[in-house]
Every structure is written in C-alpha cells, then in structure tokens.
Amino acid sequence: MGSRYGGLKQIDPVGRHGEVIVDYSIYDALRAGFEQVVFVIKKEIEEDFYEVIGRRMEKQADVSYAFQRLDDLPAGYAVPEGRVKPWGTAQAIYSIRGLVDAPFAVINADDYYGPHAFQLIYDHLCRLPAEGDILPFCMVGYRLKNTLTEYGHVARGVCSVDEDGFLREVVEHTHIEKTAAGARFTEDGGQTWTDLDPEMVVSMNLWGFTPGLLDEIGRRFPAFLDQALAANPLKGEYLLPSVVNELLQEGKAAVKVLTSPDKWCGVTYKEDKPAVMQAIEEKHRAGLYPEPLWK
C-alpha cells in the first residue's frame, strides 16, 4: 500500500506516456518468453489497478488476478482484532494457488529489474529439473550497492552464496541504509548498527519457483501464525525469503543464484521518483524500449 511512499506507488506513472514500473517488467518478461501474468493485489484497489494497468495488459498477455486477503488463513485461525496490515509476501504468493501449475517467476511491482534479469530467469526456469525430494528454485541477485536509495532505508534479503553459485542462506533485513562507506543495518530502531559489504549479493524478490513452493507455504503457515499471533499480532509478516531460508536449512530446496550487474530502480520513497523517471527516459533514448512502450 506504499506507507513509506505515501500512496499506491505501483500505479504512479514514471514513463512519458503513462507507463508505470511494472509495465517495463511485463514488457521485459514477455520478450524473454513468459506468456502469463498473475497480478497479486488487494481487493480494495482492484478497480484502480484495472484501469491503470490491467486493461491494457489484457491486450498483451494472458492476465489473471489473485487477491491477498487478511482472512485467507488456515482453518482454525482468525484475523486478530485491529489487524489491517497484510500478512506478508509469503501469503501474497500463496494466494496464486490454483492459478499456477508450472515454474514461475515472482517480482515486486514497484522495482525495475531490467531485461537481462528476466532473460536470465526465464532461461533457467526452462531448464529446471522435475520436482523431487529437493525443490529446484532460482533467484536473480543484485549487488547491494546497486539497490540502495538516497532517501531512507530499504528492506533486502542478504544472501550467502556457496562456491557453486547456490544460495546457502538469505536473511531479511528490513532497515538497511546507504552510508559513505557502503551500507549498514539496524534491528533495534537505530540503537545499534552493523556494517554491510556493498558488494554482497542481495535479493530483490526476483525469484524462480516450482509449484511445490505453494504447498510448502501452506504447510508452514500455521507455525508462523502461532508465533506471530503471540508476539506481534497486528504487524507480524510471513515473508517469502524466510520460507525459502527454512527450506534451505532443512535440505528441501536448492536455489541457484543468477547475478545481475544492473542497477536497481525503484520508488520506495516519493523522492525516488524523479531519478527513476530520468533512468527510464535514458533507456528509451538508448533504444532499450520503444516509445510509447505499448504500440
């Protein structure tokens, strides 16, 4: 819902012809080879989202919608009184069950990833082995230094990668700031800070999964709720990187890390928008995209 941005950033135009960031992601995904698009949204923004994005996307691809609902919970659980915040990215992905029956990619609607990243992940998904005892996943990682904003803090999944290019661990840090020397994070509201290597690989939530992930999210949902309802009933979040990390530690998944050298563009804060618009304009001028994007 864009609490730090101050509005629905997913439908705030950044292109000269009204294009929003996800327009460019879908354009890049389609030319990489993807054919189906599933939008995960809140029911409350369905009409606005359809008018700004959905109507024109239906002319370009096979489009469907999944709704992330507060009450979409396992049997025996109820929404705690006063809760308005969605349950997090893992629950968002869980809402696509029944719509996806093949390997799929996951993205954030407000992050620009670049055509190279989509081609990387599409090609890898096409070569995935069948699901077995170990689920075959992948992700596109970015250098931390290429994913920071000048205007505040960001959330990133900090990755540990082995010598064969597979993910060992991903740890979600929700408050990472840019510094003169690189970056740092805090977990106690700024009382203490830990420095981060600006060259380290981080997740921008560009993941490649098989449908078995959805079963695992559902299987682990009750344990998350038991913990969240006791510790933080109004704001606890079921995060996608946390589910992936659990599967890694249990030996139930293998995640190949595909590294992109591209610089992230995104609108975490209102102040980010002019820089994103300039970057998009430069990409049009360089011939990376036609103008207007959808002809």
C-alpha atoms as a PDB file:
ATOM      1  CA  MET A   1       0.000   0.000   0.000  1.00  0.00           C
ATOM      2  CA  GLY A   2       3.039   2.287  -0.089  1.00  0.00           C
ATOM      3  CA  SER A   3       3.170   3.510   3.511  1.00  0.00           C
ATOM      4  CA  ARG A   4       6.654   4.989   3.062  1.00  0.00           C
ATOM      5  CA  TYR A   5       5.839   6.277  -0.433  1.00  0.00           C
ATOM      6  CA  GLY A   6       2.614   7.977   0.544  1.00  0.00           C
ATOM      7  CA  GLY A   7       0.284   6.280  -1.914  1.00  0.00           C
ATOM      8  CA  LEU A   8      -0.159   3.496  -4.437  1.00  0.00           C
ATOM      9  CA  LYS A   9       3.321   3.593  -5.964  1.00  0.00           C
ATOM     10  CA  GLN A  10       2.557   0.568  -8.145  1.00  0.00           C
ATOM     11  CA  ILE A  11       0.245   2.704 -10.320  1.00  0.00           C
ATOM     12  CA  ASP A  12       2.168   6.002 -10.213  1.00  0.00           C
ATOM     13  CA  PRO A  13       3.415   6.750 -13.787  1.00  0.00           C
ATOM     14  CA  VAL A  14       7.156   7.009 -14.467  1.00  0.00           C
ATOM     15  CA  GLY A  15       7.112   6.967 -18.272  1.00  0.00           C
ATOM     16  CA  ARG A  16       6.190   9.849 -20.589  1.00  0.00           C
ATOM     17  CA  HIS A  17       3.114   8.015 -21.862  1.00  0.00           C
ATOM     18  CA  GLY A  18       1.717   6.984 -18.507  1.00  0.00           C
ATOM     19  CA  GLU A  19       3.773   3.806 -18.113  1.00  0.00           C
ATOM     20  CA  VAL A  20       4.289   2.538 -14.558  1.00  0.00           C
ATOM     21  CA  ILE A  21       7.280   0.483 -13.432  1.00  0.00           C
ATOM     22  CA  VAL A  22       5.508  -2.862 -13.784  1.00  0.00           C
ATOM     23  CA  ASP A  23       4.796  -2.039 -17.458  1.00  0.00           C
ATOM     24  CA  TYR A  24       8.533  -2.318 -18.082  1.00  0.00           C
ATOM     25  CA  SER A  25       8.813  -5.522 -16.084  1.00  0.00           C
ATOM     26  CA  ILE A  26       5.991  -7.126 -18.057  1.00  0.00           C
ATOM     27  CA  TYR A  27       7.459  -5.903 -21.347  1.00  0.00           C
ATOM     28  CA  ASP A  28      10.824  -7.430 -20.422  1.00  0.00           C
ATOM     29  CA  ALA A  29       9.196 -10.660 -19.228  1.00  0.00           C
ATOM     30  CA  LEU A  30       7.179 -11.097 -22.427  1.00  0.00           C
ATOM     31  CA  ARG A  31      10.153 -10.585 -24.699  1.00  0.00           C
ATOM     32  CA  ALA A  32      12.143 -13.035 -22.581  1.00  0.00           C
ATOM     33  CA  GLY A  33       9.461 -15.681 -23.235  1.00  0.00           C
ATOM     34  CA  PHE A  34       6.924 -15.532 -20.401  1.00  0.00           C
ATOM     35  CA  GLU A  35       3.286 -15.690 -21.513  1.00  0.00           C
ATOM     36  CA  GLN A  36       1.061 -15.492 -18.427  1.00  0.00           C
ATOM     37  CA  VAL A  37       0.851 -12.684 -15.866  1.00  0.00           C
ATOM     38  CA  VAL A  38      -0.795 -13.035 -12.448  1.00  0.00           C
ATOM     39  CA  PHE A  39      -1.286  -9.797 -10.530  1.00  0.00           C
ATOM     40  CA  VAL A  40      -1.443 -10.194  -6.741  1.00  0.00           C
ATOM     41  CA  ILE A  41      -3.354  -7.234  -5.326  1.00  0.00           C
ATOM     42  CA  LYS A  42      -5.688  -6.215  -2.518  1.00  0.00           C
ATOM     43  CA  LYS A  43      -9.364  -6.386  -3.435  1.00  0.00           C
ATOM     44  CA  GLU A  44      -9.765  -2.757  -2.361  1.00  0.00           C
ATOM     45  CA  ILE A  45      -7.582  -1.470  -5.221  1.00  0.00           C
ATOM     46  CA  GLU A  46      -8.964  -3.762  -7.939  1.00  0.00           C
ATOM     47  CA  GLU A  47     -10.834  -1.060  -9.846  1.00  0.00           C
ATOM     48  CA  ASP A  48      -7.973   1.469  -9.840  1.00  0.00           C
ATOM     49  CA  PHE A  49      -5.437  -1.208 -10.716  1.00  0.00           C
ATOM     50  CA  TYR A  50      -7.524  -2.486 -13.603  1.00  0.00           C
ATOM     51  CA  GLU A  51      -7.972   0.985 -15.081  1.00  0.00           C
ATOM     52  CA  VAL A  52      -4.282   1.923 -14.842  1.00  0.00           C
ATOM     53  CA  ILE A  53      -2.618  -1.409 -15.701  1.00  0.00           C
ATOM     54  CA  GLY A  54      -4.938  -4.346 -16.120  1.00  0.00           C
ATOM     55  CA  ARG A  55      -6.997  -3.109 -19.051  1.00  0.00           C
ATOM     56  CA  ARG A  56      -4.003  -2.557 -21.320  1.00  0.00           C
ATOM     57  CA  MET A  57      -2.126  -5.645 -20.094  1.00  0.00           C
ATOM     58  CA  GLU A  58      -5.010  -7.873 -21.166  1.00  0.00           C
ATOM     59  CA  LYS A  59      -4.186  -6.850 -24.755  1.00  0.00           C
ATOM     60  CA  GLN A  60      -0.595  -8.043 -24.353  1.00  0.00           C
ATOM     61  CA  ALA A  61      -0.703 -11.278 -22.323  1.00  0.00           C
ATOM     62  CA  ASP A  62      -2.825 -13.891 -20.587  1.00  0.00           C
ATOM     63  CA  VAL A  63      -3.725 -11.967 -17.410  1.00  0.00           C
ATOM     64  CA  SER A  64      -5.373 -13.142 -14.207  1.00  0.00           C
ATOM     65  CA  TYR A  65      -5.731 -11.749 -10.675  1.00  0.00           C
ATOM     66  CA  ALA A  66      -5.150 -13.140  -7.198  1.00  0.00           C
ATOM     67  CA  PHE A  67      -6.323 -11.262  -4.137  1.00  0.00           C
ATOM     68  CA  GLN A  68      -4.319 -11.150  -0.917  1.00  0.00           C
ATOM     69  CA  ARG A  69      -6.947 -11.208   1.826  1.00  0.00           C
ATOM     70  CA  LEU A  70      -6.479 -10.805   5.559  1.00  0.00           C
ATOM     71  CA  ASP A  71      -8.904 -13.657   6.210  1.00  0.00           C
ATOM     72  CA  ASP A  72      -7.204 -16.128   3.832  1.00  0.00           C
ATOM     73  CA  LEU A  73      -5.880 -18.160   6.751  1.00  0.00           C
ATOM     74  CA  PRO A  74      -5.602 -21.855   7.620  1.00  0.00           C
ATOM     75  CA  ALA A  75      -8.606 -23.498   9.236  1.00  0.00           C
ATOM     76  CA  GLY A  76      -8.947 -22.637  12.900  1.00  0.00           C
ATOM     77  CA  TYR A  77      -7.277 -19.212  12.661  1.00  0.00           C
ATOM     78  CA  ALA A  78      -8.929 -15.783  12.636  1.00  0.00           C
ATOM     79  CA  VAL A  79      -7.775 -12.236  11.955  1.00  0.00           C
ATOM     80  CA  PRO A  80      -6.853 -10.573  15.267  1.00  0.00           C
ATOM     81  CA  GLU A  81      -8.927  -7.562  16.223  1.00  0.00           C
ATOM     82  CA  GLY A  82      -7.360  -4.352  14.899  1.00  0.00           C
ATOM     83  CA  ARG A  83      -5.200  -6.044  12.239  1.00  0.00           C
ATOM     84  CA  VAL A  84      -5.198  -4.143   8.894  1.00  0.00           C
ATOM     85  CA  LYS A  85      -1.693  -4.946   7.592  1.00  0.00           C
ATOM     86  CA  PRO A  86      -1.431  -7.768   5.016  1.00  0.00           C
ATOM     87  CA  TRP A  87       0.265 -10.960   6.198  1.00  0.00           C
ATOM     88  CA  GLY A  88       3.408 -10.526   4.095  1.00  0.00           C
ATOM     89  CA  THR A  89       4.974 -11.698   0.850  1.00  0.00           C
ATOM     90  CA  ALA A  90       4.691 -15.436   1.534  1.00  0.00           C
ATOM     91  CA  GLN A  91       0.925 -15.138   1.970  1.00  0.00           C
ATOM     92  CA  ALA A  92       0.780 -12.957  -1.156  1.00  0.00           C
ATOM     93  CA  ILE A  93       2.402 -15.725  -3.206  1.00  0.00           C
ATOM     94  CA  TYR A  94       0.202 -18.343  -1.527  1.00  0.00           C
ATOM     95  CA  SER A  95      -2.822 -16.551  -2.976  1.00  0.00           C
ATOM     96  CA  ILE A  96      -1.871 -17.675  -6.516  1.00  0.00           C
ATOM     97  CA  ARG A  97      -2.527 -21.339  -5.714  1.00  0.00           C
ATOM     98  CA  GLY A  98      -4.932 -22.713  -8.282  1.00  0.00           C
ATOM     99  CA  LEU A  99      -3.726 -20.234 -10.919  1.00  0.00           C
ATOM    100  CA  VAL A 100      -0.195 -21.544 -11.497  1.00  0.00           C
ATOM    101  CA  ASP A 101       0.760 -25.110 -12.416  1.00  0.00           C
ATOM    102  CA  ALA A 102       4.254 -24.642 -13.888  1.00  0.00           C
ATOM    103  CA  PRO A 103       7.561 -22.965 -12.964  1.00  0.00           C
ATOM    104  CA  PHE A 104       7.012 -19.258 -12.377  1.00  0.00           C
ATOM    105  CA  ALA A 105       8.874 -16.055 -11.523  1.00  0.00           C
ATOM    106  CA  VAL A 106       7.961 -13.655  -8.710  1.00  0.00           C
ATOM    107  CA  ILE A 107       8.630  -9.915  -8.805  1.00  0.00           C
ATOM    108  CA  ASN A 108       7.785  -6.761  -6.882  1.00  0.00           C
ATOM    109  CA  ALA A 109       5.527  -4.400  -8.831  1.00  0.00           C
ATOM    110  CA  ASP A 110       7.465  -1.302  -7.762  1.00  0.00           C
ATOM    111  CA  ASP A 111      11.001  -2.450  -8.669  1.00  0.00           C
ATOM    112  CA  TYR A 112      12.667  -2.161 -12.072  1.00  0.00           C
ATOM    113  CA  TYR A 113      14.823  -5.225 -12.749  1.00  0.00           C
ATOM    114  CA  GLY A 114      15.947  -4.822 -16.377  1.00  0.00           C
ATOM    115  CA  PRO A 115      15.659  -7.122 -19.445  1.00  0.00           C
ATOM    116  CA  HIS A 116      18.846  -9.032 -18.597  1.00  0.00           C
ATOM    117  CA  ALA A 117      17.376 -10.293 -15.332  1.00  0.00           C
ATOM    118  CA  PHE A 118      14.179 -11.576 -16.947  1.00  0.00           C
ATOM    119  CA  GLN A 119      16.076 -13.379 -19.682  1.00  0.00           C
ATOM    120  CA  LEU A 120      18.340 -14.979 -17.070  1.00  0.00           C
ATOM    121  CA  ILE A 121      15.474 -16.304 -15.008  1.00  0.00           C
ATOM    122  CA  TYR A 122      13.317 -17.382 -17.956  1.00  0.00           C
ATOM    123  CA  ASP A 123      16.156 -19.390 -19.498  1.00  0.00           C
ATOM    124  CA  HIS A 124      16.912 -21.030 -16.154  1.00  0.00           C
ATOM    125  CA  LEU A 125      13.272 -21.895 -15.468  1.00  0.00           C
ATOM    126  CA  CYS A 126      13.080 -23.581 -18.872  1.00  0.00           C
ATOM    127  CA  ARG A 127      15.937 -25.892 -17.841  1.00  0.00           C
ATOM    128  CA  LEU A 128      14.715 -26.784 -14.350  1.00  0.00           C
ATOM    129  CA  PRO A 129      14.610 -30.481 -13.498  1.00  0.00           C
ATOM    130  CA  ALA A 130      11.364 -32.045 -12.324  1.00  0.00           C
ATOM    131  CA  GLU A 131      10.386 -31.589  -8.696  1.00  0.00           C
ATOM    132  CA  GLY A 132      11.733 -34.286  -6.409  1.00  0.00           C
ATOM    133  CA  ASP A 133      12.817 -34.512  -2.803  1.00  0.00           C
ATOM    134  CA  ILE A 134      14.723 -31.239  -3.310  1.00  0.00           C
ATOM    135  CA  LEU A 135      12.759 -28.393  -4.888  1.00  0.00           C
ATOM    136  CA  PRO A 136      14.758 -26.686  -7.699  1.00  0.00           C
ATOM    137  CA  PHE A 137      14.491 -22.905  -7.300  1.00  0.00           C
ATOM    138  CA  CYS A 138      16.491 -19.920  -8.535  1.00  0.00           C
ATOM    139  CA  MET A 139      16.790 -16.197  -7.913  1.00  0.00           C
ATOM    140  CA  VAL A 140      18.378 -13.171  -9.540  1.00  0.00           C
ATOM    141  CA  GLY A 141      20.703 -11.451  -7.082  1.00  0.00           C
ATOM    142  CA  TYR A 142      21.987  -7.886  -7.186  1.00  0.00           C
ATOM    143  CA  ARG A 143      24.984  -6.196  -5.614  1.00  0.00           C
ATOM    144  CA  LEU A 144      23.824  -4.339  -2.524  1.00  0.00           C
ATOM    145  CA  LYS A 145      25.440  -1.102  -3.683  1.00  0.00           C
ATOM    146  CA  ASN A 146      23.200  -1.137  -6.782  1.00  0.00           C
ATOM    147  CA  THR A 147      19.973  -1.416  -4.778  1.00  0.00           C
ATOM    148  CA  LEU A 148      20.096   1.446  -2.265  1.00  0.00           C
ATOM    149  CA  THR A 149      18.101   4.676  -2.190  1.00  0.00           C
ATOM    150  CA  GLU A 150      19.441   8.075  -1.188  1.00  0.00           C
ATOM    151  CA  TYR A 151      16.283   8.924   0.735  1.00  0.00           C
ATOM    152  CA  GLY A 152      15.854   6.436   3.555  1.00  0.00           C
ATOM    153  CA  HIS A 153      16.001   2.776   4.426  1.00  0.00           C
ATOM    154  CA  VAL A 154      15.083  -0.298   2.391  1.00  0.00           C
ATOM    155  CA  ALA A 155      14.370  -3.965   3.054  1.00  0.00           C
ATOM    156  CA  ARG A 156      16.653  -6.518   1.390  1.00  0.00           C
ATOM    157  CA  GLY A 157      17.330 -10.220   1.700  1.00  0.00           C
ATOM    158  CA  VAL A 158      21.072 -10.509   2.370  1.00  0.00           C
ATOM    159  CA  CYS A 159      22.391 -13.662   0.686  1.00  0.00           C
ATOM    160  CA  SER A 160      25.185 -16.092   1.417  1.00  0.00           C
ATOM    161  CA  VAL A 161      26.233 -17.938  -1.770  1.00  0.00           C
ATOM    162  CA  ASP A 162      28.468 -21.026  -1.991  1.00  0.00           C
ATOM    163  CA  GLU A 163      31.313 -21.645  -4.440  1.00  0.00           C
ATOM    164  CA  ASP A 164      28.962 -23.386  -6.886  1.00  0.00           C
ATOM    165  CA  GLY A 165      26.597 -20.419  -7.049  1.00  0.00           C
ATOM    166  CA  PHE A 166      23.860 -21.855  -4.827  1.00  0.00           C
ATOM    167  CA  LEU A 167      22.182 -19.974  -2.020  1.00  0.00           C
ATOM    168  CA  ARG A 168      23.282 -21.025   1.460  1.00  0.00           C
ATOM    169  CA  GLU A 169      21.092 -18.616   3.387  1.00  0.00           C
ATOM    170  CA  VAL A 170      19.008 -15.484   2.923  1.00  0.00           C
ATOM    171  CA  VAL A 171      18.352 -13.183   5.871  1.00  0.00           C
ATOM    172  CA  GLU A 172      15.758 -10.441   5.532  1.00  0.00           C
ATOM    173  CA  HIS A 173      16.826  -7.081   6.962  1.00  0.00           C
ATOM    174  CA  THR A 174      14.036  -4.522   6.947  1.00  0.00           C
ATOM    175  CA  HIS A 175      16.122  -1.411   7.744  1.00  0.00           C
ATOM    176  CA  ILE A 176      19.227  -1.011   5.526  1.00  0.00           C
ATOM    177  CA  GLU A 177      20.647   2.442   4.890  1.00  0.00           C
ATOM    178  CA  LYS A 178      23.252   3.774   2.497  1.00  0.00           C
ATOM    179  CA  THR A 179      26.406   5.248   4.097  1.00  0.00           C
ATOM    180  CA  ALA A 180      29.531   6.962   2.802  1.00  0.00           C
ATOM    181  CA  ALA A 181      31.430   3.690   3.195  1.00  0.00           C
ATOM    182  CA  GLY A 182      28.718   1.426   1.806  1.00  0.00           C
ATOM    183  CA  ALA A 183      25.715   0.326   3.870  1.00  0.00           C
ATOM    184  CA  ARG A 184      24.565  -0.647   7.352  1.00  0.00           C
ATOM    185  CA  PHE A 185      21.511  -2.163   9.006  1.00  0.00           C
ATOM    186  CA  THR A 186      19.757  -1.964  12.358  1.00  0.00           C
ATOM    187  CA  GLU A 187      17.328  -4.315  14.071  1.00  0.00           C
ATOM    188  CA  ASP A 188      16.595  -2.225  17.160  1.00  0.00           C
ATOM    189  CA  GLY A 189      15.362   1.073  15.756  1.00  0.00           C
ATOM    190  CA  GLY A 190      18.807   2.587  15.274  1.00  0.00           C
ATOM    191  CA  GLN A 191      20.272   1.974  18.706  1.00  0.00           C
ATOM    192  CA  THR A 192      22.942  -0.285  17.187  1.00  0.00           C
ATOM    193  CA  TRP A 193      24.182  -0.684  13.610  1.00  0.00           C
ATOM    194  CA  THR A 194      26.029  -3.384  11.678  1.00  0.00           C
ATOM    195  CA  ASP A 195      28.062  -2.572   8.554  1.00  0.00           C
ATOM    196  CA  LEU A 196      27.384  -4.442   5.311  1.00  0.00           C
ATOM    197  CA  ASP A 197      29.743  -5.097   2.397  1.00  0.00           C
ATOM    198  CA  PRO A 198      28.362  -3.070  -0.552  1.00  0.00           C
ATOM    199  CA  GLU A 199      29.474  -5.861  -2.935  1.00  0.00           C
ATOM    200  CA  MET A 200      27.433  -8.566  -1.217  1.00  0.00           C
ATOM    201  CA  VAL A 201      24.556 -10.202  -3.071  1.00  0.00           C
ATOM    202  CA  VAL A 202      21.018  -9.312  -2.027  1.00  0.00           C
ATOM    203  CA  SER A 203      17.595 -10.482  -3.068  1.00  0.00           C
ATOM    204  CA  MET A 204      15.219  -8.032  -4.710  1.00  0.00           C
ATOM    205  CA  ASN A 205      12.427 -10.633  -4.658  1.00  0.00           C
ATOM    206  CA  LEU A 206      13.053 -11.764  -8.244  1.00  0.00           C
ATOM    207  CA  TRP A 207      12.612 -15.481  -7.622  1.00  0.00           C
ATOM    208  CA  GLY A 208      12.037 -18.531  -9.777  1.00  0.00           C
ATOM    209  CA  PHE A 209       9.943 -21.303  -8.210  1.00  0.00           C
ATOM    210  CA  THR A 210       8.146 -24.521  -8.960  1.00  0.00           C
ATOM    211  CA  PRO A 211       4.554 -25.082  -7.732  1.00  0.00           C
ATOM    212  CA  GLY A 212       5.860 -27.136  -4.807  1.00  0.00           C
ATOM    213  CA  LEU A 213       6.690 -23.844  -3.081  1.00  0.00           C
ATOM    214  CA  LEU A 214       2.971 -23.145  -2.674  1.00  0.00           C
ATOM    215  CA  ASP A 215       2.475 -26.425  -0.827  1.00  0.00           C
ATOM    216  CA  GLU A 216       5.354 -25.568   1.493  1.00  0.00           C
ATOM    217  CA  ILE A 217       3.990 -22.079   2.218  1.00  0.00           C
ATOM    218  CA  GLY A 218       0.641 -23.578   3.150  1.00  0.00           C
ATOM    219  CA  ARG A 219       2.219 -26.288   5.293  1.00  0.00           C
ATOM    220  CA  ARG A 220       4.259 -23.759   7.289  1.00  0.00           C
ATOM    221  CA  PHE A 221       1.568 -21.092   7.623  1.00  0.00           C
ATOM    222  CA  PRO A 222       0.108 -22.354  10.952  1.00  0.00           C
ATOM    223  CA  ALA A 223       3.513 -22.335  12.680  1.00  0.00           C
ATOM    224  CA  PHE A 224       4.094 -18.754  11.518  1.00  0.00           C
ATOM    225  CA  LEU A 225       0.685 -17.699  12.805  1.00  0.00           C
ATOM    226  CA  ASP A 226       1.241 -19.327  16.179  1.00  0.00           C
ATOM    227  CA  GLN A 227       4.403 -17.280  16.623  1.00  0.00           C
ATOM    228  CA  ALA A 228       3.073 -14.026  15.121  1.00  0.00           C
ATOM    229  CA  LEU A 229      -0.230 -14.020  16.991  1.00  0.00           C
ATOM    230  CA  ALA A 230       1.646 -14.395  20.262  1.00  0.00           C
ATOM    231  CA  ALA A 231       4.456 -11.914  19.587  1.00  0.00           C
ATOM    232  CA  ASN A 232       3.189  -9.340  17.087  1.00  0.00           C
ATOM    233  CA  PRO A 233      -0.462  -9.916  16.141  1.00  0.00           C
ATOM    234  CA  LEU A 234      -1.008  -6.598  14.354  1.00  0.00           C
ATOM    235  CA  LYS A 235       2.168  -6.383  12.267  1.00  0.00           C
ATOM    236  CA  GLY A 236       3.849  -9.807  12.089  1.00  0.00           C
ATOM    237  CA  GLU A 237       4.651 -10.726   8.462  1.00  0.00           C
ATOM    238  CA  TYR A 238       5.034 -14.108   6.777  1.00  0.00           C
ATOM    239  CA  LEU A 239       7.990 -13.335   4.498  1.00  0.00           C
ATOM    240  CA  LEU A 240       8.892 -15.209   1.335  1.00  0.00           C
ATOM    241  CA  PRO A 241      12.673 -15.177   2.000  1.00  0.00           C
ATOM    242  CA  SER A 242      12.033 -16.702   5.424  1.00  0.00           C
ATOM    243  CA  VAL A 243      10.174 -19.653   3.867  1.00  0.00           C
ATOM    244  CA  VAL A 244      12.972 -20.143   1.331  1.00  0.00           C
ATOM    245  CA  ASN A 245      15.547 -19.997   4.098  1.00  0.00           C
ATOM    246  CA  GLU A 246      13.719 -22.640   6.133  1.00  0.00           C
ATOM    247  CA  LEU A 247      13.627 -24.952   3.109  1.00  0.00           C
ATOM    248  CA  LEU A 248      17.344 -24.407   2.537  1.00  0.00           C
ATOM    249  CA  GLN A 249      18.261 -25.192   6.124  1.00  0.00           C
ATOM    250  CA  GLU A 250      16.121 -28.344   6.031  1.00  0.00           C
ATOM    251  CA  GLY A 251      17.712 -29.514   2.759  1.00  0.00           C
ATOM    252  CA  LYS A 252      14.376 -29.358   0.945  1.00  0.00           C
ATOM    253  CA  ALA A 253      15.322 -26.783  -1.694  1.00  0.00           C
ATOM    254  CA  ALA A 254      18.296 -25.777  -3.846  1.00  0.00           C
ATOM    255  CA  VAL A 255      18.370 -22.167  -5.079  1.00  0.00           C
ATOM    256  CA  LYS A 256      20.687 -21.255  -7.957  1.00  0.00           C
ATOM    257  CA  VAL A 257      21.781 -17.604  -7.743  1.00  0.00           C
ATOM    258  CA  LEU A 258      21.867 -15.782 -11.082  1.00  0.00           C
ATOM    259  CA  THR A 259      23.679 -12.480 -10.573  1.00  0.00           C
ATOM    260  CA  SER A 260      22.692  -9.327 -12.443  1.00  0.00           C
ATOM    261  CA  PRO A 261      25.131  -6.406 -12.818  1.00  0.00           C
ATOM    262  CA  ASP A 262      22.263  -3.978 -13.411  1.00  0.00           C
ATOM    263  CA  LYS A 263      21.417  -1.059 -11.165  1.00  0.00           C
ATOM    264  CA  TRP A 264      18.065  -1.271  -9.425  1.00  0.00           C
ATOM    265  CA  CYS A 265      15.448   1.406  -9.943  1.00  0.00           C
ATOM    266  CA  GLY A 266      12.526   1.660  -7.570  1.00  0.00           C
ATOM    267  CA  VAL A 267      10.197   4.029  -5.806  1.00  0.00           C
ATOM    268  CA  THR A 268      10.450   3.259  -2.128  1.00  0.00           C
ATOM    269  CA  TYR A 269      10.011   6.973  -1.370  1.00  0.00           C
ATOM    270  CA  LYS A 270       8.415   9.886  -3.249  1.00  0.00           C
ATOM    271  CA  GLU A 271      11.876  11.418  -3.585  1.00  0.00           C
ATOM    272  CA  ASP A 272      12.983   8.391  -5.650  1.00  0.00           C
ATOM    273  CA  LYS A 273      10.542   9.117  -8.462  1.00  0.00           C
ATOM    274  CA  PRO A 274      12.471  11.838 -10.404  1.00  0.00           C
ATOM    275  CA  ALA A 275      15.590   9.635 -10.586  1.00  0.00           C
ATOM    276  CA  VAL A 276      13.519   6.677 -11.775  1.00  0.00           C
ATOM    277  CA  MET A 277      11.821   8.797 -14.429  1.00  0.00           C
ATOM    278  CA  GLN A 278      15.206  10.035 -15.651  1.00  0.00           C
ATOM    279  CA  ALA A 279      16.593   6.489 -15.783  1.00  0.00           C
ATOM    280  CA  ILE A 280      13.569   5.272 -17.751  1.00  0.00           C
ATOM    281  CA  GLU A 281      13.856   8.192 -20.165  1.00  0.00           C
ATOM    282  CA  GLU A 282      17.522   7.363 -20.775  1.00  0.00           C
ATOM    283  CA  LYS A 283      16.632   3.727 -21.503  1.00  0.00           C
ATOM    284  CA  HIS A 284      14.100   4.867 -24.103  1.00  0.00           C
ATOM    285  CA  ARG A 285      16.665   7.158 -25.723  1.00  0.00           C
ATOM    286  CA  ALA A 286      19.206   4.333 -25.803  1.00  0.00           C
ATOM    287  CA  GLY A 287      16.726   2.164 -27.736  1.00  0.00           C
ATOM    288  CA  LEU A 288      16.176  -0.370 -24.975  1.00  0.00           C
ATOM    289  CA  TYR A 289      12.426   0.310 -25.148  1.00  0.00           C
ATOM    290  CA  PRO A 290      10.157   1.737 -27.867  1.00  0.00           C
ATOM    291  CA  GLU A 291       8.216   4.928 -27.238  1.00  0.00           C
ATOM    292  CA  PRO A 292       5.450   4.640 -26.311  1.00  0.00           C
ATOM    293  CA  LEU A 293       6.143   1.278 -24.702  1.00  0.00           C
ATOM    294  CA  TRP A 294       2.926  -0.401 -25.900  1.00  0.00           C
ATOM    295  CA  LYS A 295       2.110   0.371 -29.512  1.00  0.00           C
END
